[in-house]
Protein backbone atom coordinates (compact mmCIF):
# COMPACT_ATOMS: atom_id res chain seq x y z
CA MET A 1 13.31 5.33 -3.30
CA ARG A 2 17.02 4.46 -5.64
CA SER A 3 19.12 1.82 -4.34
CA SER A 4 21.99 3.86 -3.91
CA ASN A 5 20.08 5.88 -1.11
CA GLY A 6 19.54 2.58 0.61
CA ARG A 7 23.65 2.03 0.09
CA ARG A 8 24.05 4.87 1.75
CA ALA A 9 22.27 4.25 4.91
CA CYS A 10 23.29 0.80 4.93
CA ALA A 11 27.04 1.64 5.17
CA PRO A 12 27.98 3.12 8.16
CA ALA A 13 25.49 0.40 9.92
CA ALA A 14 27.59 -1.92 8.60
CA THR A 15 30.84 -0.37 9.62
CA ARG A 16 30.04 -0.38 13.09
CA TRP A 17 28.14 -3.51 14.11
CA THR A 18 29.13 -6.81 13.40
CA TYR A 19 25.89 -8.94 14.03
CA PRO A 20 23.40 -8.99 10.41
CA LEU A 21 20.30 -8.46 12.44
CA SER A 22 21.75 -5.40 14.23
CA VAL A 23 22.74 -3.97 10.98
CA PHE A 24 19.55 -4.44 9.29
CA ALA A 25 17.55 -3.18 11.82
CA ARG A 26 19.91 -0.06 11.83
CA TYR A 27 19.41 -0.11 8.39
CA GLU A 28 15.55 -0.37 8.07
CA ALA A 29 15.39 2.34 11.15
CA LYS A 30 17.32 5.09 8.83
CA HIS A 31 15.77 4.07 5.68
CA ARG A 32 12.29 4.43 7.11
CA THR A 33 12.90 7.82 7.76
CA LEU A 34 13.76 8.25 4.27
CA VAL A 35 10.89 6.24 2.92
CA ASP A 36 7.68 6.93 4.89
CA PRO A 37 6.79 10.60 4.49
CA ARG A 38 6.95 9.44 0.49
CA GLN A 39 4.50 6.52 0.75
CA GLY A 40 1.33 8.66 2.22
CA ASN A 41 -0.91 6.17 3.56
CA VAL A 42 0.10 2.51 2.33
CA ALA A 43 -1.49 1.10 5.61
CA LEU A 44 -4.87 0.38 3.29
CA MET A 45 -3.03 -1.50 0.72
CA VAL A 46 -0.74 -3.51 3.19
CA PRO A 47 -3.04 -5.01 6.15
CA ALA A 48 -1.15 -5.88 8.80
CA THR A 49 -3.45 -8.75 10.17
CA ARG A 50 -4.91 -12.10 8.73
CA THR A 51 -8.75 -10.20 9.11
CA GLY A 52 -7.13 -7.16 7.23
CA ILE A 53 -5.97 -9.22 4.56
CA ALA A 54 -9.55 -10.80 4.04
CA ALA A 55 -11.29 -7.39 4.29
CA ARG A 56 -8.93 -6.04 1.79
CA ASN A 57 -9.03 -9.33 -0.54
CA LEU A 58 -13.32 -9.50 -0.10
CA ALA A 59 -13.45 -5.49 -1.24
CA THR A 60 -10.84 -6.55 -4.61
CA ARG A 61 -13.53 -8.93 -5.44
CA LEU A 62 -16.68 -7.15 -4.74
CA TRP A 63 -15.50 -3.74 -6.31
CA PRO A 64 -16.37 -5.03 -10.07
CA ALA A 65 -19.60 -6.11 -9.26
CA ALA A 66 -19.93 -2.51 -7.30
CA ALA A 67 -18.69 -0.57 -10.26
CA THR A 68 -21.64 -2.54 -12.85
CA ALA A 69 -24.20 -2.13 -10.24
CA GLY A 70 -23.36 1.55 -10.30
CA ARG A 71 -23.51 1.96 -14.34
CA LEU A 72 -26.68 -0.11 -14.29
CA ARG A 73 -28.30 2.42 -12.11
CA ASN A 74 -27.33 5.11 -13.62
CA LEU A 75 -28.35 2.99 -17.38
CA LEU A 76 -31.73 2.86 -16.07
CA THR A 77 -32.21 6.10 -14.15
CA SER A 78 -31.25 7.90 -17.05
CA THR A 79 -33.17 5.72 -19.61
CA ALA A 80 -36.47 6.28 -17.34
CA THR A 81 -36.04 10.25 -16.76
CA ALA A 82 -35.67 10.51 -20.85
CA SER A 83 -38.54 8.51 -22.24
CA PRO A 84 -41.69 10.39 -22.56
């Protein structure tokens, strides 16, 4: 999303409300309608709870080990079937 789109979404809100929280809430609501359809399923990458964050971080730390195990398994099975 380009910043000019954000300015266009925020400008009308800023002219109608003087309280900053109201301006930002209105901007966020307008901006979200423009951004959400383009982001897809971001909820998997940005968890909302501590448990979700911990699960994401654990999966990130374990991914290299799982990938290495898969490559090793493929290597071992390919060499076992290739030997006479």
